[in-house]
Amino acid sequence: MIIDSHFHPLSMAKKGIVDLPEDITGIAVGTEPGEAEMMIASLPETRRIFISAGSGPWVLNGDRFISADDEIAKLKAEAERCSVDAIGEC
């Protein structure tokens, strides 16, 4: 069994790494609002992978950043909508 406490499957996919070991257990970390939903859709239903919604520190410099309170509200809404397991990468 492979246990990974923090990995980014969407970033991995952008780099061409799409096959995760079948026996992986871990936390797939979202780095921007909306990524948790994309991870849930792209990871196998039989996964033993927990999903976290998050906003990386670079989001603070992005065009869509309004305020910390707004960012927290986005993450809470995503967590509720997608039933994520955690909020992280904050």
C-alpha atoms as a PDB file:
ATOM      1  CA  MET A   1       0.000   0.000   0.000  1.00  0.00           C
ATOM      2  CA  ILE A   2       1.189   3.504  -0.805  1.00  0.00           C
ATOM      3  CA  ILE A   3       0.057   6.350   1.473  1.00  0.00           C
ATOM      4  CA  ASP A   4       0.516   9.928   0.303  1.00  0.00           C
ATOM      5  CA  SER A   5      -0.482  12.643   2.747  1.00  0.00           C
ATOM      6  CA  HIS A   6      -0.524  15.436   0.178  1.00  0.00           C
ATOM      7  CA  PHE A   7      -0.542  15.225  -3.611  1.00  0.00           C
ATOM      8  CA  HIS A   8      -1.945  17.218  -6.528  1.00  0.00           C
ATOM      9  CA  PRO A   9      -3.533  14.925  -9.136  1.00  0.00           C
ATOM     10  CA  LEU A  10      -4.614  17.796 -11.419  1.00  0.00           C
ATOM     11  CA  SER A  11      -1.056  19.158 -11.541  1.00  0.00           C
ATOM     12  CA  MET A  12       0.195  15.629 -12.154  1.00  0.00           C
ATOM     13  CA  ALA A  13      -2.263  15.205 -15.043  1.00  0.00           C
ATOM     14  CA  LYS A  14      -1.050  18.459 -16.625  1.00  0.00           C
ATOM     15  CA  LYS A  15       2.456  16.949 -16.598  1.00  0.00           C
ATOM     16  CA  GLY A  16       1.219  13.750 -18.247  1.00  0.00           C
ATOM     17  CA  ILE A  17       1.139  11.641 -15.081  1.00  0.00           C
ATOM     18  CA  VAL A  18      -2.333  10.148 -15.167  1.00  0.00           C
ATOM     19  CA  ASP A  19      -1.989   6.634 -13.775  1.00  0.00           C
ATOM     20  CA  LEU A  20      -1.980   6.515  -9.994  1.00  0.00           C
ATOM     21  CA  PRO A  21      -1.017   3.252  -8.305  1.00  0.00           C
ATOM     22  CA  GLU A  22      -4.133   1.185  -7.675  1.00  0.00           C
ATOM     23  CA  ASP A  23      -3.226   0.709  -4.033  1.00  0.00           C
ATOM     24  CA  ILE A  24      -2.729   4.406  -3.251  1.00  0.00           C
ATOM     25  CA  THR A  25      -4.367   5.927  -0.230  1.00  0.00           C
ATOM     26  CA  GLY A  26      -3.976   9.641   0.339  1.00  0.00           C
ATOM     27  CA  ILE A  27      -5.220  13.187   0.273  1.00  0.00           C
ATOM     28  CA  ALA A  28      -5.679  14.828  -3.123  1.00  0.00           C
ATOM     29  CA  VAL A  29      -5.240  18.529  -2.475  1.00  0.00           C
ATOM     30  CA  GLY A  30      -7.067  21.224  -4.415  1.00  0.00           C
ATOM     31  CA  THR A  31      -5.104  24.408  -4.942  1.00  0.00           C
ATOM     32  CA  GLU A  32      -7.826  26.706  -6.268  1.00  0.00           C
ATOM     33  CA  PRO A  33     -11.588  26.935  -5.792  1.00  0.00           C
ATOM     34  CA  GLY A  34     -13.289  24.531  -8.195  1.00  0.00           C
ATOM     35  CA  GLU A  35     -10.533  21.921  -8.283  1.00  0.00           C
ATOM     36  CA  ALA A  36     -12.143  19.586  -5.744  1.00  0.00           C
ATOM     37  CA  GLU A  37     -15.102  19.071  -8.056  1.00  0.00           C
ATOM     38  CA  MET A  38     -12.747  18.336 -10.970  1.00  0.00           C
ATOM     39  CA  MET A  39     -10.767  15.831  -8.875  1.00  0.00           C
ATOM     40  CA  ILE A  40     -13.894  14.014  -7.760  1.00  0.00           C
ATOM     41  CA  ALA A  41     -14.988  13.698 -11.395  1.00  0.00           C
ATOM     42  CA  SER A  42     -11.596  12.469 -12.604  1.00  0.00           C
ATOM     43  CA  LEU A  43     -10.589  10.019  -9.880  1.00  0.00           C
ATOM     44  CA  PRO A  44     -11.968   6.466  -9.919  1.00  0.00           C
ATOM     45  CA  GLU A  45     -15.032   5.811  -7.784  1.00  0.00           C
ATOM     46  CA  THR A  46     -13.209   2.916  -6.137  1.00  0.00           C
ATOM     47  CA  ARG A  47     -10.533   5.278  -4.868  1.00  0.00           C
ATOM     48  CA  ARG A  48      -9.231   5.375  -1.350  1.00  0.00           C
ATOM     49  CA  ILE A  49      -8.337   8.994  -1.830  1.00  0.00           C
ATOM     50  CA  PHE A  50      -9.664  11.823   0.279  1.00  0.00           C
ATOM     51  CA  ILE A  51     -10.322  15.180  -1.380  1.00  0.00           C
ATOM     52  CA  SER A  52      -9.518  18.601   0.033  1.00  0.00           C
ATOM     53  CA  ALA A  53     -10.663  21.957  -1.294  1.00  0.00           C
ATOM     54  CA  GLY A  54      -8.069  24.687  -1.099  1.00  0.00           C
ATOM     55  CA  SER A  55      -6.601  27.954  -2.289  1.00  0.00           C
ATOM     56  CA  GLY A  56      -2.844  28.179  -2.618  1.00  0.00           C
ATOM     57  CA  PRO A  57      -1.049  31.361  -1.547  1.00  0.00           C
ATOM     58  CA  TRP A  58      -0.620  32.415  -5.193  1.00  0.00           C
ATOM     59  CA  VAL A  59      -4.398  32.943  -5.368  1.00  0.00           C
ATOM     60  CA  LEU A  60      -3.871  36.113  -3.313  1.00  0.00           C
ATOM     61  CA  ASN A  61      -2.131  37.677  -6.316  1.00  0.00           C
ATOM     62  CA  GLY A  62      -4.693  36.477  -8.862  1.00  0.00           C
ATOM     63  CA  ASP A  63      -7.289  38.483 -10.744  1.00  0.00           C
ATOM     64  CA  ARG A  64     -10.170  36.665  -9.035  1.00  0.00           C
ATOM     65  CA  PHE A  65      -9.035  37.412  -5.472  1.00  0.00           C
ATOM     66  CA  ILE A  66     -11.360  39.800  -3.633  1.00  0.00           C
ATOM     67  CA  SER A  67     -10.674  39.198   0.058  1.00  0.00           C
ATOM     68  CA  ALA A  68      -9.738  36.448   2.493  1.00  0.00           C
ATOM     69  CA  ASP A  69     -13.364  36.269   3.661  1.00  0.00           C
ATOM     70  CA  ASP A  70     -14.530  35.813   0.062  1.00  0.00           C
ATOM     71  CA  GLU A  71     -11.954  33.061  -0.500  1.00  0.00           C
ATOM     72  CA  ILE A  72     -13.058  31.254   2.675  1.00  0.00           C
ATOM     73  CA  ALA A  73     -16.698  31.512   1.568  1.00  0.00           C
ATOM     74  CA  LYS A  74     -15.787  29.965  -1.814  1.00  0.00           C
ATOM     75  CA  LEU A  75     -13.988  27.077  -0.118  1.00  0.00           C
ATOM     76  CA  LYS A  76     -16.838  26.457   2.332  1.00  0.00           C
ATOM     77  CA  ALA A  77     -19.350  26.453  -0.529  1.00  0.00           C
ATOM     78  CA  GLU A  78     -17.213  24.029  -2.536  1.00  0.00           C
ATOM     79  CA  ALA A  79     -16.722  21.779   0.487  1.00  0.00           C
ATOM     80  CA  GLU A  80     -20.462  21.622   1.066  1.00  0.00           C
ATOM     81  CA  ARG A  81     -21.392  21.217  -2.611  1.00  0.00           C
ATOM     82  CA  CYS A  82     -18.850  18.456  -3.247  1.00  0.00           C
ATOM     83  CA  SER A  83     -18.837  16.812   0.178  1.00  0.00           C
ATOM     84  CA  VAL A  84     -15.060  17.060   0.355  1.00  0.00           C
ATOM     85  CA  ASP A  85     -13.173  15.463   3.201  1.00  0.00           C
ATOM     86  CA  ALA A  86     -11.074  18.479   4.197  1.00  0.00           C
ATOM     87  CA  ILE A  87     -10.134  22.065   3.484  1.00  0.00           C
ATOM     88  CA  GLY A  88      -6.431  22.541   2.941  1.00  0.00           C
ATOM     89  CA  GLU A  89      -3.744  24.292   0.926  1.00  0.00           C
ATOM     90  CA  CYS A  90      -4.717  27.543   2.553  1.00  0.00           C
END
